[in-house]
C-alpha atoms as a PDB file:
ATOM      1  CA  MET A   1     -51.866-115.852 -71.191  1.00  0.00           C
ATOM      2  CA  LYS A   2     -51.038-113.636 -68.232  1.00  0.00           C
ATOM      3  CA  LYS A   3     -49.647-114.731 -64.897  1.00  0.00           C
ATOM      4  CA  SER A   4     -49.377-112.515 -61.837  1.00  0.00           C
ATOM      5  CA  PRO A   5     -46.071-112.606 -59.912  1.00  0.00           C
ATOM      6  CA  GLU A   6     -47.888-114.190 -56.971  1.00  0.00           C
ATOM      7  CA  SER A   7     -49.059-117.094 -59.148  1.00  0.00           C
ATOM      8  CA  ILE A   8     -45.487-118.049 -60.091  1.00  0.00           C
ATOM      9  CA  GLN A   9     -44.524-120.111 -57.051  1.00  0.00           C
ATOM     10  CA  ARG A  10     -43.201-123.373 -58.480  1.00  0.00           C
ATOM     11  CA  ILE A  11     -40.494-123.115 -61.138  1.00  0.00           C
ATOM     12  CA  GLY A  12     -39.348-126.144 -63.096  1.00  0.00           C
ATOM     13  CA  LEU A  13     -35.724-126.380 -64.251  1.00  0.00           C
ATOM     14  CA  ILE A  14     -34.803-128.141 -67.498  1.00  0.00           C
ATOM     15  CA  GLY A  15     -31.230-128.240 -68.805  1.00  0.00           C
ATOM     16  CA  ASN A  16     -28.984-129.541 -71.548  1.00  0.00           C
ATOM     17  CA  ARG A  17     -26.688-132.021 -69.787  1.00  0.00           C
ATOM     18  CA  ASP A  18     -24.253-131.929 -72.722  1.00  0.00           C
ATOM     19  CA  LYS A  19     -23.305-128.332 -71.865  1.00  0.00           C
ATOM     20  CA  ALA A  20     -20.687-128.182 -69.108  1.00  0.00           C
ATOM     21  CA  ALA A  21     -21.929-124.848 -67.733  1.00  0.00           C
ATOM     22  CA  CYS A  22     -25.509-126.042 -67.416  1.00  0.00           C
ATOM     23  CA  GLY A  23     -25.289-127.863 -64.088  1.00  0.00           C
ATOM     24  CA  ALA A  24     -23.710-124.948 -62.218  1.00  0.00           C
ATOM     25  CA  LEU A  25     -26.218-122.502 -63.683  1.00  0.00           C
ATOM     26  CA  ILE A  26     -29.182-124.670 -62.680  1.00  0.00           C
ATOM     27  CA  ARG A  27     -27.842-124.893 -59.130  1.00  0.00           C
ATOM     28  CA  ARG A  28     -27.484-121.122 -59.051  1.00  0.00           C
ATOM     29  CA  ALA A  29     -31.014-120.666 -60.362  1.00  0.00           C
ATOM     30  CA  SER A  30     -32.344-123.068 -57.759  1.00  0.00           C
ATOM     31  CA  SER A  31     -30.637-121.080 -54.998  1.00  0.00           C
ATOM     32  CA  LEU A  32     -32.000-117.752 -56.313  1.00  0.00           C
ATOM     33  CA  ILE A  33     -35.506-119.184 -56.588  1.00  0.00           C
ATOM     34  CA  ARG A  34     -35.519-120.539 -53.038  1.00  0.00           C
ATOM     35  CA  ARG A  35     -34.044-117.293 -51.731  1.00  0.00           C
ATOM     36  CA  ALA A  36     -37.046-115.515 -53.239  1.00  0.00           C
ATOM     37  CA  GLY A  37     -39.415-117.776 -51.313  1.00  0.00           C
ATOM     38  CA  ARG A  38     -40.376-119.889 -54.326  1.00  0.00           C
ATOM     39  CA  GLU A  39     -39.939-123.603 -55.000  1.00  0.00           C
ATOM     40  CA  ALA A  40     -37.545-125.046 -57.595  1.00  0.00           C
ATOM     41  CA  LEU A  41     -38.228-128.491 -59.103  1.00  0.00           C
ATOM     42  CA  CYS A  42     -36.086-130.735 -61.314  1.00  0.00           C
ATOM     43  CA  LEU A  43     -37.569-133.837 -62.953  1.00  0.00           C
ATOM     44  CA  ASP A  44     -36.474-135.932 -65.927  1.00  0.00           C
ATOM     45  CA  ASP A  45     -40.125-136.121 -67.064  1.00  0.00           C
ATOM     46  CA  ALA A  46     -40.757-132.782 -68.797  1.00  0.00           C
ATOM     47  CA  PRO A  47     -44.558-133.181 -69.211  1.00  0.00           C
ATOM     48  CA  ARG A  48     -44.949-134.037 -65.534  1.00  0.00           C
ATOM     49  CA  LEU A  49     -42.738-131.110 -64.570  1.00  0.00           C
ATOM     50  CA  ALA A  50     -44.862-128.768 -66.705  1.00  0.00           C
ATOM     51  CA  ARG A  51     -48.054-129.986 -65.018  1.00  0.00           C
ATOM     52  CA  GLU A  52     -46.621-129.359 -61.551  1.00  0.00           C
ATOM     53  CA  CYS A  53     -45.055-125.932 -62.207  1.00  0.00           C
ATOM     54  CA  ASP A  54     -46.139-122.386 -63.005  1.00  0.00           C
ATOM     55  CA  LEU A  55     -43.084-121.594 -65.156  1.00  0.00           C
ATOM     56  CA  LEU A  56     -40.340-123.639 -66.815  1.00  0.00           C
ATOM     57  CA  LEU A  57     -36.790-122.308 -67.003  1.00  0.00           C
ATOM     58  CA  VAL A  58     -35.000-124.006 -69.897  1.00  0.00           C
ATOM     59  CA  PHE A  59     -31.177-123.855 -69.845  1.00  0.00           C
ATOM     60  CA  GLY A  60     -29.312-124.474 -73.096  1.00  0.00           C
ATOM     61  CA  GLY A  61     -29.606-123.361 -76.681  1.00  0.00           C
ATOM     62  CA  ASP A  62     -32.437-123.379 -79.190  1.00  0.00           C
ATOM     63  CA  GLY A  63     -32.215-127.169 -79.506  1.00  0.00           C
ATOM     64  CA  THR A  64     -33.011-127.583 -75.821  1.00  0.00           C
ATOM     65  CA  MET A  65     -35.914-125.144 -76.157  1.00  0.00           C
ATOM     66  CA  LEU A  66     -37.284-127.015 -79.167  1.00  0.00           C
ATOM     67  CA  ARG A  67     -37.221-130.333 -77.320  1.00  0.00           C
ATOM     68  CA  ALA A  68     -38.867-128.832 -74.232  1.00  0.00           C
ATOM     69  CA  ALA A  69     -41.527-127.172 -76.386  1.00  0.00           C
ATOM     70  CA  ARG A  70     -42.418-130.442 -78.144  1.00  0.00           C
ATOM     71  CA  GLU A  71     -42.514-132.412 -74.886  1.00  0.00           C
ATOM     72  CA  THR A  72     -44.744-129.897 -73.066  1.00  0.00           C
ATOM     73  CA  ALA A  73     -46.908-128.759 -75.999  1.00  0.00           C
ATOM     74  CA  GLY A  74     -50.519-128.088 -75.131  1.00  0.00           C
ATOM     75  CA  LEU A  75     -49.988-128.085 -71.361  1.00  0.00           C
ATOM     76  CA  GLY A  76     -50.075-124.282 -71.090  1.00  0.00           C
ATOM     77  CA  THR A  77     -47.015-123.855 -68.867  1.00  0.00           C
ATOM     78  CA  PRO A  78     -44.853-121.008 -70.244  1.00  0.00           C
ATOM     79  CA  LEU A  79     -41.182-121.582 -71.082  1.00  0.00           C
ATOM     80  CA  LEU A  80     -38.458-119.030 -70.394  1.00  0.00           C
ATOM     81  CA  GLY A  81     -35.170-119.880 -72.094  1.00  0.00           C
ATOM     82  CA  VAL A  82     -31.758-119.142 -70.576  1.00  0.00           C
ATOM     83  CA  ASN A  83     -29.109-119.101 -73.291  1.00  0.00           C
ATOM     84  CA  ILE A  84     -25.980-121.226 -72.905  1.00  0.00           C
ATOM     85  CA  GLY A  85     -25.571-121.657 -76.643  1.00  0.00           C
ATOM     86  CA  GLY A  86     -24.842-119.575 -79.723  1.00  0.00           C
ATOM     87  CA  LEU A  87     -27.403-117.317 -81.381  1.00  0.00           C
ATOM     88  CA  GLY A  88     -30.321-118.464 -79.259  1.00  0.00           C
ATOM     89  CA  PHE A  89     -33.354-116.913 -80.958  1.00  0.00           C
ATOM     90  CA  LEU A  90     -35.676-118.866 -78.644  1.00  0.00           C
ATOM     91  CA  THR A  91     -33.707-118.356 -75.433  1.00  0.00           C
ATOM     92  CA  ALA A  92     -34.708-114.949 -74.115  1.00  0.00           C
ATOM     93  CA  VAL A  93     -32.269-114.562 -71.196  1.00  0.00           C
ATOM     94  CA  PRO A  94     -28.443-114.461 -71.465  1.00  0.00           C
ATOM     95  CA  SER A  95     -26.978-116.704 -68.771  1.00  0.00           C
ATOM     96  CA  GLU A  96     -25.035-113.827 -67.196  1.00  0.00           C
ATOM     97  CA  LYS A  97     -28.301-111.934 -66.628  1.00  0.00           C
ATOM     98  CA  LEU A  98     -30.101-114.761 -64.817  1.00  0.00           C
ATOM     99  CA  ALA A  99     -30.365-112.992 -61.443  1.00  0.00           C
ATOM    100  CA  HIS A 100     -31.696-109.803 -63.038  1.00  0.00           C
ATOM    101  CA  ALA A 101     -34.187-111.807 -65.124  1.00  0.00           C
ATOM    102  CA  LEU A 102     -35.560-113.587 -62.053  1.00  0.00           C
ATOM    103  CA  LYS A 103     -36.069-110.242 -60.300  1.00  0.00           C
ATOM    104  CA  GLN A 104     -38.139-109.170 -63.300  1.00  0.00           C
ATOM    105  CA  VAL A 105     -40.147-112.393 -63.035  1.00  0.00           C
ATOM    106  CA  TRP A 106     -40.890-111.741 -59.351  1.00  0.00           C
ATOM    107  CA  SER A 107     -41.976-108.175 -60.147  1.00  0.00           C
ATOM    108  CA  GLY A 108     -44.452-109.337 -62.809  1.00  0.00           C
ATOM    109  CA  GLN A 109     -42.661-108.064 -65.905  1.00  0.00           C
ATOM    110  CA  LEU A 110     -42.866-111.296 -67.908  1.00  0.00           C
ATOM    111  CA  LEU A 111     -44.626-111.141 -71.277  1.00  0.00           C
ATOM    112  CA  TYR A 112     -46.076-114.210 -73.013  1.00  0.00           C
ATOM    113  CA  GLU A 113     -46.393-115.200 -76.657  1.00  0.00           C
ATOM    114  CA  LYS A 114     -48.445-118.068 -78.009  1.00  0.00           C
ATOM    115  CA  ARG A 115     -46.477-119.912 -80.697  1.00  0.00           C
ATOM    116  CA  ALA A 116     -48.066-122.147 -83.315  1.00  0.00           C
ATOM    117  CA  LEU A 117     -46.892-125.729 -83.825  1.00  0.00           C
ATOM    118  CA  LEU A 118     -46.864-127.745 -87.028  1.00  0.00           C
ATOM    119  CA  GLU A 119     -48.119-131.321 -87.093  1.00  0.00           C
ATOM    120  CA  VAL A 120     -46.866-133.854 -89.615  1.00  0.00           C
ATOM    121  CA  ALA A 121     -48.658-137.120 -90.329  1.00  0.00           C
ATOM    122  CA  GLY A 122     -48.216-139.860 -92.897  1.00  0.00           C
ATOM    123  CA  THR A 123     -47.045-143.386 -93.605  1.00  0.00           C
ATOM    124  CA  LEU A 124     -43.357-143.803 -94.373  1.00  0.00           C
ATOM    125  CA  GLN A 125     -41.861-147.165 -95.329  1.00  0.00           C
ATOM    126  CA  GLY A 126     -45.133-148.767 -94.280  1.00  0.00           C
ATOM    127  CA  ARG A 127     -45.113-147.271 -90.785  1.00  0.00           C
ATOM    128  CA  PRO A 128     -47.500-144.577 -89.529  1.00  0.00           C
ATOM    129  CA  LEU A 129     -45.886-141.384 -88.331  1.00  0.00           C
ATOM    130  CA  ARG A 130     -47.279-138.424 -86.399  1.00  0.00           C
ATOM    131  CA  CYS A 131     -45.231-135.736 -84.653  1.00  0.00           C
ATOM    132  CA  ILE A 132     -45.159-132.007 -83.943  1.00  0.00           C
ATOM    133  CA  SER A 133     -42.673-129.261 -84.663  1.00  0.00           C
ATOM    134  CA  LEU A 134     -42.050-125.767 -83.337  1.00  0.00           C
ATOM    135  CA  ASN A 135     -39.489-124.717 -85.956  1.00  0.00           C
ATOM    136  CA  ASP A 136     -39.729-126.686 -89.168  1.00  0.00           C
ATOM    137  CA  VAL A 137     -40.407-129.896 -91.039  1.00  0.00           C
ATOM    138  CA  VAL A 138     -37.757-130.720 -93.648  1.00  0.00           C
ATOM    139  CA  VAL A 139     -37.825-133.286 -96.460  1.00  0.00           C
ATOM    140  CA  SER A 140     -34.304-133.588 -97.839  1.00  0.00           C
ATOM    141  CA  ARG A 141     -31.824-135.828 -99.601  1.00  0.00           C
ATOM    142  CA  GLY A 142     -29.525-138.117 -97.670  1.00  0.00           C
ATOM    143  CA  ALA A 143     -25.744-138.296 -97.824  1.00  0.00           C
ATOM    144  CA  VAL A 144     -25.504-138.906-101.596  1.00  0.00           C
ATOM    145  CA  SER A 145     -25.489-135.670-103.603  1.00  0.00           C
ATOM    146  CA  ARG A 146     -28.325-136.368-106.044  1.00  0.00           C
ATOM    147  CA  LEU A 147     -31.531-134.508-106.775  1.00  0.00           C
ATOM    148  CA  ILE A 148     -34.761-135.641-105.179  1.00  0.00           C
ATOM    149  CA  ALA A 149     -38.205-134.847-106.566  1.00  0.00           C
ATOM    150  CA  LEU A 150     -41.063-133.776-104.319  1.00  0.00           C
ATOM    151  CA  ASP A 151     -44.646-133.217-105.469  1.00  0.00           C
ATOM    152  CA  VAL A 152     -46.290-130.546-103.321  1.00  0.00           C
ATOM    153  CA  ARG A 153     -49.985-129.692-102.996  1.00  0.00           C
ATOM    154  CA  VAL A 154     -51.528-126.941-100.882  1.00  0.00           C
ATOM    155  CA  ASP A 155     -55.183-127.434 -99.944  1.00  0.00           C
ATOM    156  CA  GLY A 156     -55.443-130.066-102.655  1.00  0.00           C
ATOM    157  CA  GLU A 157     -54.054-127.900-105.458  1.00  0.00           C
ATOM    158  CA  ILE A 158     -50.736-128.771-107.062  1.00  0.00           C
ATOM    159  CA  VAL A 159     -47.963-126.243-106.438  1.00  0.00           C
ATOM    160  CA  THR A 160     -45.114-127.808-108.363  1.00  0.00           C
ATOM    161  CA  ARG A 161     -42.645-130.660-108.442  1.00  0.00           C
ATOM    162  CA  TYR A 162     -39.582-129.452-106.571  1.00  0.00           C
ATOM    163  CA  ARG A 163     -36.305-130.895-107.798  1.00  0.00           C
ATOM    164  CA  GLY A 164     -33.286-130.191-105.664  1.00  0.00           C
ATOM    165  CA  ASP A 165     -31.900-131.006-102.229  1.00  0.00           C
ATOM    166  CA  GLY A 166     -35.276-130.783-100.506  1.00  0.00           C
ATOM    167  CA  LEU A 167     -37.951-128.540 -99.067  1.00  0.00           C
ATOM    168  CA  ILE A 168     -38.319-126.721 -95.727  1.00  0.00           C
ATOM    169  CA  VAL A 169     -41.792-126.150 -94.290  1.00  0.00           C
ATOM    170  CA  SER A 170     -41.253-123.520 -91.637  1.00  0.00           C
ATOM    171  CA  SER A 171     -43.518-122.224 -88.891  1.00  0.00           C
ATOM    172  CA  PRO A 172     -43.348-118.492 -88.088  1.00  0.00           C
ATOM    173  CA  THR A 173     -41.060-119.304 -85.150  1.00  0.00           C
ATOM    174  CA  GLY A 174     -38.742-121.288 -87.418  1.00  0.00           C
ATOM    175  CA  SER A 175     -38.250-118.588 -90.046  1.00  0.00           C
ATOM    176  CA  THR A 176     -34.889-117.623 -88.490  1.00  0.00           C
ATOM    177  CA  ALA A 177     -33.607-121.216 -88.516  1.00  0.00           C
ATOM    178  CA  TYR A 178     -32.861-123.459 -91.542  1.00  0.00           C
ATOM    179  CA  SER A 179     -35.300-121.562 -93.751  1.00  0.00           C
ATOM    180  CA  LEU A 180     -33.373-118.306 -93.319  1.00  0.00           C
ATOM    181  CA  ALA A 181     -30.078-120.044 -94.137  1.00  0.00           C
ATOM    182  CA  ALA A 182     -31.680-121.425 -97.310  1.00  0.00           C
ATOM    183  CA  GLY A 183     -32.771-117.960 -98.453  1.00  0.00           C
ATOM    184  CA  GLY A 184     -36.224-117.791 -96.893  1.00  0.00           C
ATOM    185  CA  PRO A 185     -37.751-114.615 -95.427  1.00  0.00           C
ATOM    186  CA  ILE A 186     -37.748-113.493 -91.806  1.00  0.00           C
ATOM    187  CA  VAL A 187     -41.297-113.762 -90.441  1.00  0.00           C
ATOM    188  CA  LEU A 188     -42.606-112.331 -87.189  1.00  0.00           C
ATOM    189  CA  PRO A 189     -43.174-115.361 -84.920  1.00  0.00           C
ATOM    190  CA  THR A 190     -46.772-114.354 -84.156  1.00  0.00           C
ATOM    191  CA  ALA A 191     -47.785-114.216 -87.836  1.00  0.00           C
ATOM    192  CA  ASP A 192     -50.344-116.809 -89.022  1.00  0.00           C
ATOM    193  CA  VAL A 193     -48.324-118.071 -91.986  1.00  0.00           C
ATOM    194  CA  VAL A 194     -46.168-120.981 -93.115  1.00  0.00           C
ATOM    195  CA  THR A 195     -43.135-120.653 -95.369  1.00  0.00           C
ATOM    196  CA  LEU A 196     -42.174-123.173 -98.069  1.00  0.00           C
ATOM    197  CA  THR A 197     -38.469-122.809 -98.902  1.00  0.00           C
ATOM    198  CA  PRO A 198     -36.770-125.074-101.469  1.00  0.00           C
ATOM    199  CA  ILE A 199     -33.229-126.216-100.712  1.00  0.00           C
ATOM    200  CA  CYS A 200     -30.848-125.666-103.658  1.00  0.00           C
ATOM    201  CA  PRO A 201     -33.639-125.978-106.282  1.00  0.00           C
ATOM    202  CA  HIS A 202     -32.687-127.107-109.777  1.00  0.00           C
ATOM    203  CA  ALA A 203     -35.113-124.561-111.254  1.00  0.00           C
ATOM    204  CA  LEU A 204     -33.842-121.090-110.353  1.00  0.00           C
ATOM    205  CA  SER A 205     -37.409-119.781-110.550  1.00  0.00           C
ATOM    206  CA  ASN A 206     -38.343-121.793-107.444  1.00  0.00           C
ATOM    207  CA  ARG A 207     -38.446-119.356-104.526  1.00  0.00           C
ATOM    208  CA  SER A 208     -39.887-119.259-101.030  1.00  0.00           C
ATOM    209  CA  MET A 209     -43.664-119.100-100.743  1.00  0.00           C
ATOM    210  CA  ILE A 210     -45.649-117.745 -97.812  1.00  0.00           C
ATOM    211  CA  ILE A 211     -49.047-119.393 -97.362  1.00  0.00           C
ATOM    212  CA  PRO A 212     -51.744-119.287 -94.654  1.00  0.00           C
ATOM    213  CA  LEU A 213     -51.129-121.258 -91.478  1.00  0.00           C
ATOM    214  CA  THR A 214     -54.541-122.872 -92.000  1.00  0.00           C
ATOM    215  CA  SER A 215     -53.325-124.613 -95.174  1.00  0.00           C
ATOM    216  CA  ASP A 216     -52.913-128.376 -95.600  1.00  0.00           C
ATOM    217  CA  ILE A 217     -49.527-129.097 -97.186  1.00  0.00           C
ATOM    218  CA  HIS A 218     -49.159-132.490 -98.852  1.00  0.00           C
ATOM    219  CA  ILE A 219     -45.676-133.693 -99.880  1.00  0.00           C
ATOM    220  CA  THR A 220     -45.119-136.853-101.930  1.00  0.00           C
ATOM    221  CA  ALA A 221     -41.703-138.321-102.686  1.00  0.00           C
ATOM    222  CA  ASN A 222     -41.760-138.782-106.454  1.00  0.00           C
ATOM    223  CA  ASN A 223     -38.435-140.581-106.286  1.00  0.00           C
ATOM    224  CA  ALA A 224     -36.718-141.534-103.059  1.00  0.00           C
ATOM    225  CA  SER A 225     -33.434-142.641-104.589  1.00  0.00           C
ATOM    226  CA  PRO A 226     -30.878-142.833-103.145  1.00  0.00           C
ATOM    227  CA  SER A 227     -32.349-141.568 -99.862  1.00  0.00           C
ATOM    228  CA  THR A 228     -34.969-139.051 -98.765  1.00  0.00           C
ATOM    229  CA  LEU A 229     -35.267-138.046 -95.114  1.00  0.00           C
ATOM    230  CA  LEU A 230     -37.936-136.448 -92.966  1.00  0.00           C
ATOM    231  CA  SER A 231     -36.565-134.215 -90.192  1.00  0.00           C
ATOM    232  CA  VAL A 232     -38.512-132.380 -87.498  1.00  0.00           C
ATOM    233  CA  ASP A 233     -36.758-129.527 -85.686  1.00  0.00           C
ATOM    234  CA  GLY A 234     -33.425-130.899 -86.881  1.00  0.00           C
ATOM    235  CA  GLN A 235     -34.077-134.472 -85.726  1.00  0.00           C
ATOM    236  CA  VAL A 236     -34.280-137.199 -88.395  1.00  0.00           C
ATOM    237  CA  MET A 237     -37.590-139.007 -87.895  1.00  0.00           C
ATOM    238  CA  ALA A 238     -37.963-141.357 -90.874  1.00  0.00           C
ATOM    239  CA  HIS A 239     -36.935-142.281 -94.419  1.00  0.00           C
ATOM    240  CA  PHE A 240     -39.157-142.064 -97.493  1.00  0.00           C
ATOM    241  CA  GLU A 241     -39.763-144.685-100.130  1.00  0.00           C
ATOM    242  CA  ALA A 242     -40.949-143.650-103.574  1.00  0.00           C
ATOM    243  CA  GLY A 243     -44.632-142.727-103.325  1.00  0.00           C
ATOM    244  CA  ASP A 244     -44.576-142.113 -99.556  1.00  0.00           C
ATOM    245  CA  ALA A 245     -46.318-138.921 -98.495  1.00  0.00           C
ATOM    246  CA  VAL A 246     -46.847-136.687 -95.471  1.00  0.00           C
ATOM    247  CA  THR A 247     -49.375-133.982 -94.702  1.00  0.00           C
ATOM    248  CA  ILE A 248     -48.394-130.938 -92.646  1.00  0.00           C
ATOM    249  CA  THR A 249     -51.023-128.866 -90.849  1.00  0.00           C
ATOM    250  CA  ARG A 250     -51.310-126.484 -87.930  1.00  0.00           C
ATOM    251  CA  SER A 251     -51.422-128.430 -84.678  1.00  0.00           C
ATOM    252  CA  ARG A 252     -54.308-127.991 -82.271  1.00  0.00           C
ATOM    253  CA  ARG A 253     -51.700-127.675 -79.543  1.00  0.00           C
ATOM    254  CA  ALA A 254     -49.543-124.599 -78.976  1.00  0.00           C
ATOM    255  CA  VAL A 255     -46.585-123.455 -76.884  1.00  0.00           C
ATOM    256  CA  HIS A 256     -46.351-120.367 -74.692  1.00  0.00           C
ATOM    257  CA  LEU A 257     -42.946-118.694 -74.605  1.00  0.00           C
ATOM    258  CA  ALA A 258     -42.113-116.128 -71.934  1.00  0.00           C
ATOM    259  CA  ARG A 259     -39.872-113.135 -72.499  1.00  0.00           C
ATOM    260  CA  LEU A 260     -38.764-110.010 -70.703  1.00  0.00           C
ATOM    261  CA  PRO A 261     -39.846-106.495 -71.733  1.00  0.00           C
ATOM    262  CA  ASP A 262     -36.475-105.716 -73.326  1.00  0.00           C
ATOM    263  CA  GLY A 263     -36.371-108.983 -75.272  1.00  0.00           C
ATOM    264  CA  SER A 264     -38.590-108.414 -78.316  1.00  0.00           C
ATOM    265  CA  PHE A 265     -38.165-110.346 -81.571  1.00  0.00           C
ATOM    266  CA  LEU A 266     -37.024-107.260 -83.495  1.00  0.00           C
ATOM    267  CA  GLU A 267     -34.514-106.392 -80.789  1.00  0.00           C
ATOM    268  CA  ALA A 268     -33.153-109.928 -81.072  1.00  0.00           C
ATOM    269  CA  MET A 269     -32.828-109.487 -84.840  1.00  0.00           C
ATOM    270  CA  ARG A 270     -30.815-106.297 -84.426  1.00  0.00           C
ATOM    271  CA  GLN A 271     -28.495-107.841 -81.853  1.00  0.00           C
ATOM    272  CA  LYS A 272     -28.048-111.417 -83.009  1.00  0.00           C
ATOM    273  CA  LEU A 273     -27.845-110.711 -86.756  1.00  0.00           C
ATOM    274  CA  HIS A 274     -25.674-107.634 -86.178  1.00  0.00           C
ATOM    275  CA  TRP A 275     -27.892-105.318 -88.186  1.00  0.00           C
ATOM    276  CA  ARG A 276     -26.323-101.919 -88.694  1.00  0.00           C
ATOM    277  CA  GLY A 277     -27.590 -98.524 -89.822  1.00  0.00           C
ATOM    278  CA  ALA A 278     -29.797 -95.830 -88.395  1.00  0.00           C
ATOM    279  CA  TYR A 279     -33.136 -96.688 -86.815  1.00  0.00           C
ATOM    280  CA  LEU A 280     -35.569 -94.865 -84.570  1.00  0.00           C
END
């Protein structure tokens, strides 16, 4: 995806209303956009906003970006995140550099990356479920600290029965989220792979696996006692009963994230994870 500066005329503004600084920053962005001769739009309906705009500015943290990505998936409108949160791996622009970032947008310096989405489908507690994820799909225990058992197959072949606190199925984009905290590897977000990372596995030999993004991943709850949860991008979606199963595949839809020339993934790793040492 490549957009010329002239084609970016209508900019949609999406913000996290729970962040106090968000409202003032959106008003400032709106003023800067209009001053540049462009049009700024704010709507509560994110899909409609994406259809009517050439670029979406998303103000908040990674959670806001994840929600916007799910709601506008497949529509083709690129998202540029403005960070008002903590680490912000998905938000490419620090809030204090908003004016400079918009100048780069007007001069055609935006770069675009197509990010894969995961799709999860199944029947849990007798109810059909289908949803998409940009970061990860997690099957985990509830509040009671007891092991759960998950039978996992990849492309029909049994992998193992994981016993522990759960399993993280991470997209390339989500490798720096929960999966990383659980000991998973850092994956370039444009790689065509999925990572399976067990959470506190009972068997110490259970480690992260990297498999092709084209794989079908089938997870069955062998025992759902006392509680087994399905979460998508950090949001609890459903509870498992014993024998319930979900299948995770690559979605046909995708998300396009915009970034500035000085905002590469590896640069973000060096800055946000405080990597030290000599490098070229």
